[in-house]
Amino acid sequence: MTKADIVNEIAKSTGIDKADVLKTVECFMDIVKDSLAHDKNVYLRGFGSFIVKTRSQKTARNISKNTTIIIPEHKIPAFKPAKVFMEEVK
């Protein structure tokens, strides 16, 4: 399902104009991205959590040059679904 599909479904079920729904969905995504960029997790009860995970430093190999490189510690965004959400998907 794409963002356009989500906008269409919300507009159809609520009767709100598609342009307004699109603006709302994009604003929601911007707020989530901005929160995660500032190390603030986003919790949506009954749906899940958008969290920032820290990956530790590790050693990797560049196969083409046959050298070892060090990948520094870095942060990645992650999604952890709520138990209710997981049960529905199963």
N, C-alpha and C. Protein backbone atom coordinates (compact mmCIF):
# COMPACT_ATOMS: atom_id res chain seq x y z
N MET A 1 0.86 -1.17 0.00
CA MET A 1 0.00 0.00 0.00
C MET A 1 0.90 1.24 0.00
N THR A 2 0.61 2.17 -0.86
CA THR A 2 1.40 3.39 -0.98
C THR A 2 0.75 4.52 -0.17
N LYS A 3 1.46 5.64 -0.09
CA LYS A 3 0.91 6.80 0.61
C LYS A 3 -0.37 7.27 -0.06
N ALA A 4 -0.40 7.23 -1.39
CA ALA A 4 -1.60 7.64 -2.13
C ALA A 4 -2.78 6.73 -1.79
N ASP A 5 -2.53 5.43 -1.66
CA ASP A 5 -3.59 4.49 -1.29
C ASP A 5 -4.11 4.79 0.11
N ILE A 6 -3.21 5.09 1.03
CA ILE A 6 -3.61 5.42 2.39
C ILE A 6 -4.47 6.68 2.39
N VAL A 7 -4.05 7.69 1.65
CA VAL A 7 -4.81 8.94 1.56
C VAL A 7 -6.19 8.68 0.99
N ASN A 8 -6.27 7.88 -0.07
CA ASN A 8 -7.57 7.55 -0.68
C ASN A 8 -8.48 6.83 0.30
N GLU A 9 -7.94 5.85 1.06
CA GLU A 9 -8.75 5.09 2.01
C GLU A 9 -9.27 5.99 3.13
N ILE A 10 -8.40 6.87 3.66
CA ILE A 10 -8.83 7.77 4.74
C ILE A 10 -9.88 8.75 4.22
N ALA A 11 -9.66 9.30 3.03
CA ALA A 11 -10.63 10.23 2.45
C ALA A 11 -11.98 9.56 2.21
N LYS A 12 -11.93 8.33 1.73
CA LYS A 12 -13.17 7.59 1.47
C LYS A 12 -13.93 7.29 2.76
N SER A 13 -13.21 6.86 3.80
CA SER A 13 -13.89 6.46 5.03
C SER A 13 -14.32 7.64 5.91
N THR A 14 -13.66 8.78 5.78
CA THR A 14 -14.01 9.93 6.62
C THR A 14 -14.81 11.00 5.90
N GLY A 15 -14.72 11.03 4.57
CA GLY A 15 -15.41 12.06 3.81
C GLY A 15 -14.65 13.38 3.76
N ILE A 16 -13.41 13.37 4.23
CA ILE A 16 -12.58 14.58 4.20
C ILE A 16 -11.91 14.67 2.83
N ASP A 17 -11.69 15.88 2.36
CA ASP A 17 -11.06 16.12 1.06
C ASP A 17 -9.67 15.47 1.01
N LYS A 18 -9.33 14.89 -0.15
CA LYS A 18 -8.04 14.21 -0.30
C LYS A 18 -6.85 15.13 -0.05
N ALA A 19 -6.95 16.38 -0.47
CA ALA A 19 -5.84 17.32 -0.28
C ALA A 19 -5.58 17.55 1.21
N ASP A 20 -6.65 17.64 2.00
CA ASP A 20 -6.50 17.83 3.44
C ASP A 20 -5.92 16.58 4.10
N VAL A 21 -6.36 15.43 3.66
CA VAL A 21 -5.85 14.17 4.21
C VAL A 21 -4.37 14.02 3.86
N LEU A 22 -4.00 14.34 2.63
CA LEU A 22 -2.60 14.25 2.20
C LEU A 22 -1.72 15.17 3.05
N LYS A 23 -2.20 16.38 3.28
CA LYS A 23 -1.45 17.34 4.09
C LYS A 23 -1.28 16.80 5.52
N THR A 24 -2.32 16.20 6.06
CA THR A 24 -2.26 15.63 7.41
C THR A 24 -1.29 14.46 7.49
N VAL A 25 -1.35 13.55 6.52
CA VAL A 25 -0.46 12.39 6.50
C VAL A 25 0.99 12.83 6.37
N GLU A 26 1.26 13.78 5.48
CA GLU A 26 2.63 14.26 5.31
C GLU A 26 3.13 14.98 6.55
N CYS A 27 2.25 15.73 7.21
CA CYS A 27 2.62 16.41 8.45
C CYS A 27 2.94 15.38 9.54
N PHE A 28 2.15 14.32 9.63
CA PHE A 28 2.41 13.25 10.59
C PHE A 28 3.79 12.63 10.35
N MET A 29 4.09 12.33 9.09
CA MET A 29 5.38 11.72 8.76
C MET A 29 6.53 12.67 9.08
N ASP A 30 6.35 13.96 8.82
CA ASP A 30 7.38 14.95 9.14
C ASP A 30 7.64 15.03 10.64
N ILE A 31 6.57 14.98 11.43
CA ILE A 31 6.71 15.04 12.88
C ILE A 31 7.43 13.80 13.40
N VAL A 32 7.10 12.63 12.88
CA VAL A 32 7.78 11.39 13.29
C VAL A 32 9.25 11.47 12.92
N LYS A 33 9.56 11.88 11.68
CA LYS A 33 10.97 11.98 11.26
C LYS A 33 11.74 12.97 12.11
N ASP A 34 11.13 14.13 12.38
CA ASP A 34 11.80 15.15 13.17
C ASP A 34 12.03 14.68 14.60
N SER A 35 11.05 14.00 15.17
CA SER A 35 11.19 13.47 16.53
C SER A 35 12.32 12.45 16.61
N LEU A 36 12.36 11.54 15.66
CA LEU A 36 13.42 10.52 15.66
C LEU A 36 14.79 11.14 15.42
N ALA A 37 14.85 12.18 14.60
CA ALA A 37 16.12 12.86 14.33
C ALA A 37 16.66 13.52 15.59
N HIS A 38 15.76 13.89 16.52
CA HIS A 38 16.17 14.52 17.77
C HIS A 38 16.14 13.52 18.93
N ASP A 39 16.28 12.24 18.63
CA ASP A 39 16.33 11.15 19.64
C ASP A 39 15.10 11.08 20.53
N LYS A 40 13.93 11.42 19.99
CA LYS A 40 12.68 11.30 20.74
C LYS A 40 11.86 10.19 20.10
N ASN A 41 11.52 9.17 20.88
CA ASN A 41 10.71 8.08 20.38
C ASN A 41 9.25 8.52 20.26
N VAL A 42 8.51 7.87 19.35
CA VAL A 42 7.09 8.17 19.14
C VAL A 42 6.30 6.92 19.48
N TYR A 43 5.38 7.04 20.44
CA TYR A 43 4.58 5.90 20.89
C TYR A 43 3.12 6.10 20.49
N LEU A 44 2.58 5.13 19.75
CA LEU A 44 1.17 5.15 19.35
C LEU A 44 0.48 3.93 19.96
N ARG A 45 -0.25 4.17 21.03
CA ARG A 45 -0.88 3.07 21.77
C ARG A 45 -1.79 2.25 20.85
N GLY A 46 -1.63 0.94 20.90
CA GLY A 46 -2.43 0.04 20.09
C GLY A 46 -1.90 -0.15 18.69
N PHE A 47 -0.87 0.60 18.30
CA PHE A 47 -0.29 0.47 16.97
C PHE A 47 1.17 0.06 17.05
N GLY A 48 1.99 0.88 17.71
CA GLY A 48 3.40 0.55 17.86
C GLY A 48 4.23 1.76 18.20
N SER A 49 5.54 1.57 18.20
CA SER A 49 6.47 2.62 18.56
C SER A 49 7.51 2.82 17.48
N PHE A 50 7.76 4.07 17.14
CA PHE A 50 8.86 4.42 16.27
C PHE A 50 10.00 4.80 17.20
N ILE A 51 11.09 4.04 17.17
CA ILE A 51 12.18 4.24 18.11
C ILE A 51 13.51 4.41 17.38
N VAL A 52 14.48 4.94 18.11
CA VAL A 52 15.83 5.08 17.58
C VAL A 52 16.70 4.02 18.26
N LYS A 53 17.32 3.16 17.45
CA LYS A 53 18.21 2.13 17.98
C LYS A 53 19.65 2.53 17.68
N THR A 54 20.53 2.13 18.56
CA THR A 54 21.95 2.41 18.36
C THR A 54 22.64 1.10 17.97
N ARG A 55 23.27 1.12 16.82
CA ARG A 55 24.06 -0.02 16.36
C ARG A 55 25.50 0.18 16.85
N SER A 56 26.07 -0.82 17.46
CA SER A 56 27.42 -0.68 17.98
C SER A 56 28.45 -0.76 16.85
N GLN A 57 29.65 -0.34 17.18
CA GLN A 57 30.76 -0.36 16.21
C GLN A 57 31.07 -1.80 15.84
N LYS A 58 31.41 -2.03 14.58
CA LYS A 58 31.76 -3.38 14.16
C LYS A 58 32.81 -3.34 13.06
N THR A 59 33.44 -4.47 12.85
CA THR A 59 34.46 -4.62 11.83
C THR A 59 33.84 -5.32 10.63
N ALA A 60 34.11 -4.80 9.45
CA ALA A 60 33.58 -5.40 8.22
C ALA A 60 34.73 -5.55 7.23
N ARG A 61 34.47 -6.26 6.14
CA ARG A 61 35.50 -6.48 5.13
C ARG A 61 35.05 -5.94 3.79
N ASN A 62 35.97 -5.27 3.11
CA ASN A 62 35.76 -4.85 1.74
C ASN A 62 36.34 -5.96 0.87
N ILE A 63 35.48 -6.78 0.31
CA ILE A 63 35.91 -7.98 -0.40
C ILE A 63 36.71 -7.64 -1.65
N SER A 64 36.30 -6.60 -2.37
CA SER A 64 36.99 -6.28 -3.62
C SER A 64 38.43 -5.82 -3.39
N LYS A 65 38.69 -5.11 -2.30
CA LYS A 65 40.05 -4.63 -2.01
C LYS A 65 40.76 -5.50 -0.98
N ASN A 66 40.05 -6.48 -0.42
CA ASN A 66 40.57 -7.37 0.60
C ASN A 66 41.13 -6.58 1.79
N THR A 67 40.36 -5.62 2.27
CA THR A 67 40.77 -4.82 3.42
C THR A 67 39.70 -4.88 4.50
N THR A 68 40.10 -4.56 5.70
CA THR A 68 39.18 -4.51 6.82
C THR A 68 38.83 -3.05 7.09
N ILE A 69 37.54 -2.79 7.31
CA ILE A 69 37.11 -1.44 7.64
C ILE A 69 36.32 -1.48 8.95
N ILE A 70 36.30 -0.36 9.63
CA ILE A 70 35.54 -0.27 10.88
C ILE A 70 34.32 0.60 10.63
N ILE A 71 33.17 0.04 10.92
CA ILE A 71 31.92 0.79 10.80
C ILE A 71 31.62 1.37 12.18
N PRO A 72 31.60 2.69 12.30
CA PRO A 72 31.41 3.30 13.63
C PRO A 72 30.00 3.09 14.17
N GLU A 73 29.85 3.32 15.46
CA GLU A 73 28.54 3.24 16.09
C GLU A 73 27.62 4.27 15.43
N HIS A 74 26.39 3.87 15.14
CA HIS A 74 25.45 4.78 14.51
C HIS A 74 24.02 4.45 14.93
N LYS A 75 23.12 5.39 14.69
CA LYS A 75 21.73 5.24 15.08
C LYS A 75 20.87 4.96 13.85
N ILE A 76 19.85 4.13 14.05
CA ILE A 76 18.93 3.81 12.97
C ILE A 76 17.49 3.90 13.48
N PRO A 77 16.56 4.29 12.62
CA PRO A 77 15.15 4.28 13.04
C PRO A 77 14.60 2.85 12.97
N ALA A 78 13.67 2.55 13.86
CA ALA A 78 13.07 1.22 13.88
C ALA A 78 11.61 1.35 14.29
N PHE A 79 10.84 0.32 13.96
CA PHE A 79 9.43 0.28 14.35
C PHE A 79 9.20 -0.98 15.15
N LYS A 80 8.58 -0.84 16.31
CA LYS A 80 8.24 -1.98 17.14
C LYS A 80 6.73 -2.03 17.27
N PRO A 81 6.07 -3.02 16.66
CA PRO A 81 4.61 -3.08 16.71
C PRO A 81 4.09 -3.41 18.11
N ALA A 82 2.90 -2.92 18.41
CA ALA A 82 2.25 -3.22 19.69
C ALA A 82 1.75 -4.65 19.69
N LYS A 83 1.53 -5.21 20.87
CA LYS A 83 1.06 -6.59 20.97
C LYS A 83 -0.28 -6.79 20.27
N VAL A 84 -1.18 -5.81 20.43
CA VAL A 84 -2.50 -5.89 19.77
C VAL A 84 -2.33 -5.94 18.25
N PHE A 85 -1.43 -5.13 17.74
CA PHE A 85 -1.16 -5.08 16.30
C PHE A 85 -0.57 -6.41 15.83
N MET A 86 0.36 -6.96 16.61
CA MET A 86 0.99 -8.23 16.24
C MET A 86 -0.05 -9.36 16.19
N GLU A 87 -0.96 -9.36 17.16
CA GLU A 87 -1.99 -10.41 17.20
C GLU A 87 -2.91 -10.34 16.01
N GLU A 88 -3.24 -9.14 15.55
CA GLU A 88 -4.10 -8.99 14.38
C GLU A 88 -3.43 -9.48 13.11
N VAL A 89 -2.13 -9.26 13.00
CA VAL A 89 -1.40 -9.66 11.80
C VAL A 89 -1.25 -11.18 11.75
N LYS A 90 -1.08 -11.82 12.90
CA LYS A 90 -0.92 -13.28 12.94
C LYS A 90 -2.12 -13.94 12.46
